[in-house]
C-alpha atoms as a PDB file:
ATOM      1  CA  MET A   1       0.000   0.000   0.000  1.00  0.00           C
ATOM      2  CA  ALA A   2       2.828   2.445   0.809  1.00  0.00           C
ATOM      3  CA  ASN A   3       4.253   1.906  -2.687  1.00  0.00           C
ATOM      4  CA  LEU A   4       1.096   3.329  -4.247  1.00  0.00           C
ATOM      5  CA  VAL A   5       1.515   6.756  -2.696  1.00  0.00           C
ATOM      6  CA  ARG A   6       4.162   8.943  -4.256  1.00  0.00           C
ATOM      7  CA  THR A   7       5.074  12.470  -3.484  1.00  0.00           C
ATOM      8  CA  VAL A   8       6.008  14.480  -6.537  1.00  0.00           C
ATOM      9  CA  VAL A   9       8.017  17.589  -5.834  1.00  0.00           C
ATOM     10  CA  PRO A  10       8.544  19.829  -8.849  1.00  0.00           C
ATOM     11  CA  ALA A  11      12.014  21.139  -9.542  1.00  0.00           C
ATOM     12  CA  PRO A  12      12.488  24.784  -8.653  1.00  0.00           C
ATOM     13  CA  SER A  13      12.170  27.239 -11.489  1.00  0.00           C
ATOM     14  CA  PRO A  14      15.511  28.697 -12.664  1.00  0.00           C
ATOM     15  CA  ALA A  15      14.104  32.177 -11.985  1.00  0.00           C
ATOM     16  CA  PHE A  16      13.983  31.360  -8.261  1.00  0.00           C
ATOM     17  CA  VAL A  17      17.367  29.638  -8.093  1.00  0.00           C
ATOM     18  CA  THR A  18      19.456  32.498  -9.456  1.00  0.00           C
ATOM     19  CA  PRO A  19      18.444  36.147  -9.414  1.00  0.00           C
ATOM     20  CA  PRO A  20      18.291  37.864 -12.791  1.00  0.00           C
ATOM     21  CA  SER A  21      21.250  39.859 -13.974  1.00  0.00           C
ATOM     22  CA  PRO A  22      20.738  43.589 -13.450  1.00  0.00           C
ATOM     23  CA  ARG A  23      23.066  44.491 -16.338  1.00  0.00           C
ATOM     24  CA  LEU A  24      20.257  46.112 -18.328  1.00  0.00           C
ATOM     25  CA  LEU A  25      18.795  48.093 -15.421  1.00  0.00           C
ATOM     26  CA  SER A  26      20.145  51.286 -13.905  1.00  0.00           C
ATOM     27  CA  PRO A  27      20.757  51.521 -10.151  1.00  0.00           C
ATOM     28  CA  GLU A  28      17.843  53.979  -9.949  1.00  0.00           C
ATOM     29  CA  GLN A  29      15.526  51.462 -11.599  1.00  0.00           C
ATOM     30  CA  MET A  30      16.697  48.725  -9.226  1.00  0.00           C
ATOM     31  CA  ALA A  31      16.164  50.964  -6.169  1.00  0.00           C
ATOM     32  CA  LYS A  32      12.691  51.947  -7.375  1.00  0.00           C
ATOM     33  CA  THR A  33      11.853  48.285  -7.978  1.00  0.00           C
ATOM     34  CA  ARG A  34      13.066  47.316  -4.489  1.00  0.00           C
ATOM     35  CA  LYS A  35      10.935  50.074  -2.919  1.00  0.00           C
ATOM     36  CA  SER A  36       7.890  48.871  -4.856  1.00  0.00           C
ATOM     37  CA  ALA A  37       8.472  45.301  -3.649  1.00  0.00           C
ATOM     38  CA  GLU A  38       8.768  46.483  -0.033  1.00  0.00           C
ATOM     39  CA  ASP A  39       5.630  48.614  -0.402  1.00  0.00           C
ATOM     40  CA  PHE A  40       3.792  45.578  -1.730  1.00  0.00           C
ATOM     41  CA  GLU A  41       4.906  43.486   1.244  1.00  0.00           C
ATOM     42  CA  ALA A  42       3.847  46.267   3.639  1.00  0.00           C
ATOM     43  CA  MET A  43       0.405  46.369   2.020  1.00  0.00           C
ATOM     44  CA  ALA A  44       0.075  42.586   2.252  1.00  0.00           C
ATOM     45  CA  LEU A  45       1.157  42.598   5.902  1.00  0.00           C
ATOM     46  CA  GLY A  46      -1.311  45.388   6.622  1.00  0.00           C
ATOM     47  CA  GLN A  47      -4.105  43.292   5.147  1.00  0.00           C
ATOM     48  CA  LEU A  48      -3.056  40.392   7.382  1.00  0.00           C
ATOM     49  CA  LEU A  49      -2.844  42.558  10.520  1.00  0.00           C
ATOM     50  CA  GLN A  50      -6.130  44.466  10.111  1.00  0.00           C
ATOM     51  CA  PRO A  51      -8.404  41.543  11.144  1.00  0.00           C
ATOM     52  CA  MET A  52      -6.185  40.811  14.122  1.00  0.00           C
ATOM     53  CA  PHE A  53      -6.584  44.328  15.488  1.00  0.00           C
ATOM     54  CA  LYS A  54     -10.337  44.297  14.891  1.00  0.00           C
ATOM     55  CA  THR A  55     -10.689  41.465  17.407  1.00  0.00           C
ATOM     56  CA  VAL A  56      -8.852  43.273  20.221  1.00  0.00           C
ATOM     57  CA  ASP A  57     -11.220  44.953  22.671  1.00  0.00           C
ATOM     58  CA  THR A  58      -9.442  48.047  23.976  1.00  0.00           C
ATOM     59  CA  SER A  59     -12.538  49.782  25.332  1.00  0.00           C
ATOM     60  CA  LYS A  60     -11.889  48.508  28.869  1.00  0.00           C
ATOM     61  CA  GLY A  61      -8.350  49.877  29.023  1.00  0.00           C
ATOM     62  CA  MET A  62      -7.409  53.128  30.694  1.00  0.00           C
ATOM     63  CA  PHE A  63      -6.813  54.952  27.397  1.00  0.00           C
ATOM     64  CA  GLY A  64      -8.755  52.687  25.030  1.00  0.00           C
ATOM     65  CA  GLY A  65     -11.883  52.944  23.013  1.00  0.00           C
ATOM     66  CA  GLY A  66     -13.740  55.813  21.489  1.00  0.00           C
ATOM     67  CA  THR A  67     -14.048  57.352  18.079  1.00  0.00           C
ATOM     68  CA  GLY A  68     -10.475  58.636  18.099  1.00  0.00           C
ATOM     69  CA  GLU A  69      -9.098  55.153  18.405  1.00  0.00           C
ATOM     70  CA  GLU A  70     -11.370  53.877  15.660  1.00  0.00           C
ATOM     71  CA  ALA A  71     -10.125  56.640  13.365  1.00  0.00           C
ATOM     72  CA  TRP A  72      -6.414  56.145  14.097  1.00  0.00           C
ATOM     73  CA  LYS A  73      -6.188  52.354  14.453  1.00  0.00           C
ATOM     74  CA  PRO A  74      -6.019  51.610  10.679  1.00  0.00           C
ATOM     75  CA  ILE A  75      -3.211  54.161  10.298  1.00  0.00           C
ATOM     76  CA  MET A  76      -1.309  52.576  13.191  1.00  0.00           C
ATOM     77  CA  VAL A  77      -1.701  49.106  11.662  1.00  0.00           C
ATOM     78  CA  ASP A  78      -0.446  50.372   8.270  1.00  0.00           C
ATOM     79  CA  GLU A  79       2.614  51.933   9.914  1.00  0.00           C
ATOM     80  CA  MET A  80       3.316  48.726  11.833  1.00  0.00           C
ATOM     81  CA  ALA A  81       3.122  46.803   8.561  1.00  0.00           C
ATOM     82  CA  LYS A  82       5.561  49.249   6.917  1.00  0.00           C
ATOM     83  CA  MET A  83       8.029  48.820   9.779  1.00  0.00           C
ATOM     84  CA  LEU A  84       7.708  45.043   9.619  1.00  0.00           C
ATOM     85  CA  ALA A  85       8.359  45.064   5.867  1.00  0.00           C
ATOM     86  CA  LYS A  86      11.308  47.454   6.223  1.00  0.00           C
ATOM     87  CA  SER A  87      12.939  45.237   8.860  1.00  0.00           C
ATOM     88  CA  GLY A  88      12.745  42.084   6.750  1.00  0.00           C
ATOM     89  CA  GLY A  89       9.075  41.172   6.965  1.00  0.00           C
ATOM     90  CA  ILE A  90       8.122  37.663   5.956  1.00  0.00           C
ATOM     91  CA  GLY A  91      10.353  37.512   2.879  1.00  0.00           C
ATOM     92  CA  LEU A  92       7.651  38.427   0.402  1.00  0.00           C
ATOM     93  CA  ALA A  93       9.497  41.547  -0.799  1.00  0.00           C
ATOM     94  CA  ASP A  94      12.538  39.502  -1.829  1.00  0.00           C
ATOM     95  CA  SER A  95      10.477  37.171  -3.995  1.00  0.00           C
ATOM     96  CA  VAL A  96       8.497  40.020  -5.529  1.00  0.00           C
ATOM     97  CA  TYR A  97      11.727  41.976  -6.158  1.00  0.00           C
ATOM     98  CA  ARG A  98      13.362  39.058  -7.985  1.00  0.00           C
ATOM     99  CA  GLU A  99      10.283  38.539 -10.123  1.00  0.00           C
ATOM    100  CA  MET A 100       9.989  42.245 -10.936  1.00  0.00           C
ATOM    101  CA  LEU A 101      13.674  42.371 -11.939  1.00  0.00           C
ATOM    102  CA  ARG A 102      13.208  39.308 -14.136  1.00  0.00           C
ATOM    103  CA  MET A 103      10.193  40.871 -15.836  1.00  0.00           C
ATOM    104  CA  GLN A 104      11.962  44.211 -16.358  1.00  0.00           C
ATOM    105  CA  GLU A 105      15.052  42.507 -17.739  1.00  0.00           C
ATOM    106  CA  PHE A 106      12.903  40.500 -20.145  1.00  0.00           C
ATOM    107  CA  LYS A 107      11.142  43.686 -21.258  1.00  0.00           C
ATOM    108  CA  SER A 108      14.480  45.472 -21.746  1.00  0.00           C
ATOM    109  CA  THR A 109      15.818  42.540 -23.746  1.00  0.00           C
ATOM    110  CA  GLU A 110      12.724  42.531 -25.960  1.00  0.00           C
ATOM    111  CA  GLU A 111      12.988  46.283 -26.552  1.00  0.00           C
ATOM    112  CA  ALA A 112      16.677  45.951 -27.488  1.00  0.00           C
ATOM    113  CA  LYS A 113      15.864  43.490 -30.296  1.00  0.00           C
END
């Protein structure tokens, strides 16, 4: 019976094994791409954190609750997500950055033809 079950693990894509060569992109383009990848990770982290903060009842705390907190809580969560992404996050920015570089390099190569 154990012989009938097989686990098939696909080989990693070459795009994920080696990062693309930045030879066709300027340092400014690479920095802008990196910032976009980090912004994307911050947005994704913010979307993950929002439901968590909605379940916390702060109305019983000394300084909690009220309309002020409701207005400022989403901004606080977004800033926390930005700080998490800037300090390494969950690694999403690195993957997005590599993919964006690969796509830009492909586009540059196609335009050069």
